N, C-alpha and C. Protein backbone atom coordinates (compact mmCIF):
# COMPACT_ATOMS: atom_id res chain seq x y z
N MET A 1 -69.93 -104.59 5.08
CA MET A 1 -70.85 -103.67 4.46
C MET A 1 -70.54 -102.24 4.91
N LEU A 2 -70.48 -101.33 3.96
CA LEU A 2 -70.20 -99.93 4.28
C LEU A 2 -71.46 -99.23 4.76
N PRO A 3 -71.30 -98.29 5.71
CA PRO A 3 -72.49 -97.56 6.16
C PRO A 3 -73.02 -96.66 5.05
N MET A 4 -74.33 -96.51 5.01
CA MET A 4 -74.97 -95.65 4.02
C MET A 4 -74.74 -94.19 4.42
N PRO A 5 -74.46 -93.32 3.45
CA PRO A 5 -74.29 -91.91 3.78
C PRO A 5 -75.62 -91.31 4.25
N ARG A 6 -75.52 -90.39 5.20
CA ARG A 6 -76.72 -89.73 5.70
C ARG A 6 -77.23 -88.76 4.64
N SER A 7 -78.51 -88.83 4.35
CA SER A 7 -79.08 -87.98 3.31
C SER A 7 -79.27 -86.55 3.78
N ASP A 8 -79.15 -86.31 5.09
CA ASP A 8 -79.33 -84.95 5.59
C ASP A 8 -78.00 -84.20 5.68
N LEU A 9 -76.93 -84.80 5.18
CA LEU A 9 -75.63 -84.13 5.13
C LEU A 9 -75.27 -83.81 3.69
N LEU A 10 -74.81 -82.58 3.47
CA LEU A 10 -74.50 -82.12 2.12
C LEU A 10 -73.03 -81.76 2.00
N THR A 11 -72.47 -81.96 0.83
CA THR A 11 -71.11 -81.50 0.55
C THR A 11 -71.16 -80.02 0.19
N ALA A 12 -70.00 -79.40 0.12
CA ALA A 12 -69.93 -77.99 -0.25
C ALA A 12 -70.49 -77.78 -1.66
N GLY A 13 -70.27 -78.71 -2.55
CA GLY A 13 -70.80 -78.61 -3.90
C GLY A 13 -72.32 -78.65 -3.93
N GLN A 14 -72.91 -79.50 -3.10
CA GLN A 14 -74.36 -79.57 -3.03
C GLN A 14 -74.95 -78.30 -2.41
N VAL A 15 -74.28 -77.77 -1.39
CA VAL A 15 -74.72 -76.51 -0.78
C VAL A 15 -74.64 -75.39 -1.81
N ALA A 16 -73.55 -75.35 -2.56
CA ALA A 16 -73.38 -74.33 -3.58
C ALA A 16 -74.50 -74.38 -4.62
N ALA A 17 -74.87 -75.59 -5.03
CA ALA A 17 -75.94 -75.74 -6.01
C ALA A 17 -77.27 -75.24 -5.45
N LEU A 18 -77.55 -75.53 -4.20
CA LEU A 18 -78.79 -75.06 -3.57
C LEU A 18 -78.81 -73.54 -3.42
N ALA A 19 -77.66 -72.96 -3.08
CA ALA A 19 -77.59 -71.52 -2.83
C ALA A 19 -77.36 -70.71 -4.11
N GLY A 20 -76.98 -71.38 -5.19
CA GLY A 20 -76.72 -70.67 -6.44
C GLY A 20 -75.42 -69.88 -6.40
N VAL A 21 -74.43 -70.44 -5.72
CA VAL A 21 -73.12 -69.79 -5.61
C VAL A 21 -72.02 -70.79 -5.99
N HIS A 22 -70.80 -70.31 -6.04
CA HIS A 22 -69.66 -71.18 -6.33
C HIS A 22 -69.27 -71.93 -5.06
N ARG A 23 -68.69 -73.10 -5.23
CA ARG A 23 -68.26 -73.92 -4.10
C ARG A 23 -67.29 -73.18 -3.19
N SER A 24 -66.43 -72.34 -3.75
CA SER A 24 -65.47 -71.62 -2.92
C SER A 24 -66.19 -70.64 -1.98
N THR A 25 -67.35 -70.13 -2.41
CA THR A 25 -68.14 -69.25 -1.55
C THR A 25 -68.60 -70.00 -0.30
N VAL A 26 -69.02 -71.24 -0.48
CA VAL A 26 -69.45 -72.07 0.65
C VAL A 26 -68.28 -72.28 1.60
N HIS A 27 -67.10 -72.52 1.07
CA HIS A 27 -65.92 -72.70 1.91
C HIS A 27 -65.62 -71.42 2.70
N HIS A 28 -65.80 -70.27 2.07
CA HIS A 28 -65.59 -69.00 2.78
C HIS A 28 -66.62 -68.82 3.89
N TRP A 29 -67.88 -69.15 3.61
CA TRP A 29 -68.91 -69.05 4.64
C TRP A 29 -68.54 -69.92 5.84
N ALA A 30 -68.07 -71.13 5.58
CA ALA A 30 -67.69 -72.04 6.66
C ALA A 30 -66.48 -71.50 7.42
N LYS A 31 -65.48 -71.03 6.69
CA LYS A 31 -64.26 -70.51 7.30
C LYS A 31 -64.56 -69.29 8.17
N ASP A 32 -65.49 -68.44 7.70
CA ASP A 32 -65.85 -67.22 8.43
C ASP A 32 -66.85 -67.47 9.55
N GLY A 33 -67.31 -68.71 9.69
CA GLY A 33 -68.25 -69.05 10.76
C GLY A 33 -69.70 -68.69 10.45
N LYS A 34 -69.98 -68.34 9.21
CA LYS A 34 -71.34 -67.98 8.82
C LYS A 34 -72.22 -69.21 8.63
N LEU A 35 -71.62 -70.29 8.17
CA LEU A 35 -72.34 -71.54 7.95
C LEU A 35 -71.61 -72.65 8.70
N PRO A 36 -72.24 -73.17 9.75
CA PRO A 36 -71.56 -74.19 10.55
C PRO A 36 -71.33 -75.50 9.79
N VAL A 37 -70.17 -76.06 10.00
CA VAL A 37 -69.83 -77.36 9.42
C VAL A 37 -70.28 -78.42 10.42
N SER A 38 -71.05 -79.38 9.95
CA SER A 38 -71.55 -80.44 10.82
C SER A 38 -70.43 -81.40 11.20
N CYS A 39 -69.68 -81.83 10.21
CA CYS A 39 -68.55 -82.71 10.45
C CYS A 39 -67.62 -82.67 9.26
N ALA A 40 -66.41 -83.10 9.49
CA ALA A 40 -65.43 -83.17 8.41
C ALA A 40 -64.89 -84.59 8.37
N VAL A 41 -64.99 -85.21 7.23
CA VAL A 41 -64.51 -86.58 7.05
C VAL A 41 -63.46 -86.57 5.95
N ASN A 42 -62.24 -86.96 6.31
CA ASN A 42 -61.15 -87.00 5.34
C ASN A 42 -60.99 -85.67 4.61
N GLY A 43 -61.17 -84.57 5.32
CA GLY A 43 -61.01 -83.26 4.72
C GLY A 43 -62.23 -82.75 3.97
N ILE A 44 -63.29 -83.54 3.92
CA ILE A 44 -64.52 -83.14 3.25
C ILE A 44 -65.46 -82.55 4.30
N ARG A 45 -65.85 -81.30 4.10
CA ARG A 45 -66.78 -80.65 5.02
C ARG A 45 -68.19 -81.05 4.66
N LEU A 46 -68.97 -81.40 5.68
CA LEU A 46 -70.36 -81.77 5.46
C LEU A 46 -71.25 -80.82 6.26
N PHE A 47 -72.36 -80.45 5.65
CA PHE A 47 -73.27 -79.46 6.22
C PHE A 47 -74.64 -80.10 6.39
N GLU A 48 -75.31 -79.81 7.50
CA GLU A 48 -76.65 -80.35 7.74
C GLU A 48 -77.66 -79.62 6.87
N LEU A 49 -78.53 -80.38 6.22
CA LEU A 49 -79.50 -79.83 5.30
C LEU A 49 -80.36 -78.75 5.94
N HIS A 50 -80.88 -79.01 7.14
CA HIS A 50 -81.77 -78.02 7.76
C HIS A 50 -81.04 -76.73 8.09
N THR A 51 -79.76 -76.81 8.44
CA THR A 51 -78.96 -75.62 8.71
C THR A 51 -78.73 -74.83 7.43
N VAL A 52 -78.45 -75.54 6.36
CA VAL A 52 -78.22 -74.90 5.06
C VAL A 52 -79.50 -74.20 4.59
N GLU A 53 -80.63 -74.89 4.70
CA GLU A 53 -81.89 -74.30 4.27
C GLU A 53 -82.20 -73.03 5.06
N ARG A 54 -81.97 -73.06 6.36
CA ARG A 54 -82.21 -71.88 7.20
C ARG A 54 -81.26 -70.75 6.82
N PHE A 55 -79.99 -71.08 6.58
CA PHE A 55 -78.99 -70.08 6.20
C PHE A 55 -79.38 -69.41 4.88
N ILE A 56 -79.78 -70.21 3.89
CA ILE A 56 -80.16 -69.67 2.59
C ILE A 56 -81.40 -68.77 2.72
N ALA A 57 -82.36 -69.19 3.52
CA ALA A 57 -83.59 -68.41 3.69
C ALA A 57 -83.31 -67.06 4.35
N GLN A 58 -82.29 -66.99 5.21
CA GLN A 58 -81.97 -65.75 5.92
C GLN A 58 -81.01 -64.85 5.17
N ARG A 59 -80.42 -65.36 4.09
CA ARG A 59 -79.49 -64.53 3.30
C ARG A 59 -80.24 -63.40 2.63
N PRO A 60 -79.66 -62.20 2.68
CA PRO A 60 -80.30 -61.10 1.95
C PRO A 60 -80.19 -61.36 0.45
N THR A 61 -81.21 -61.01 -0.28
CA THR A 61 -81.17 -61.17 -1.74
C THR A 61 -80.54 -59.92 -2.34
N ALA A 62 -79.91 -60.12 -3.45
CA ALA A 62 -79.26 -59.01 -4.14
C ALA A 62 -80.32 -58.09 -4.75
N ALA A 63 -80.06 -56.81 -4.69
CA ALA A 63 -80.99 -55.83 -5.28
C ALA A 63 -80.88 -55.91 -6.80
N PRO A 64 -81.99 -55.80 -7.50
CA PRO A 64 -81.94 -55.82 -8.97
C PRO A 64 -81.17 -54.63 -9.50
N VAL A 65 -80.44 -54.87 -10.58
CA VAL A 65 -79.60 -53.80 -11.16
C VAL A 65 -80.36 -53.09 -12.26
């Protein structure tokens, strides 16, 4: 039996959907150390949900044009 995936871990695509950005932006955040990667499995970066939520809440919002 395979272990069930942890529901508190998100892929870069899931983080991107929550943050309203492109997946490559999430990869840049991780590479730049702005968003910590919880673990990497087979080259897939996984992010903890509570860390992502805190990061998104602290991001400055863009000024209206």
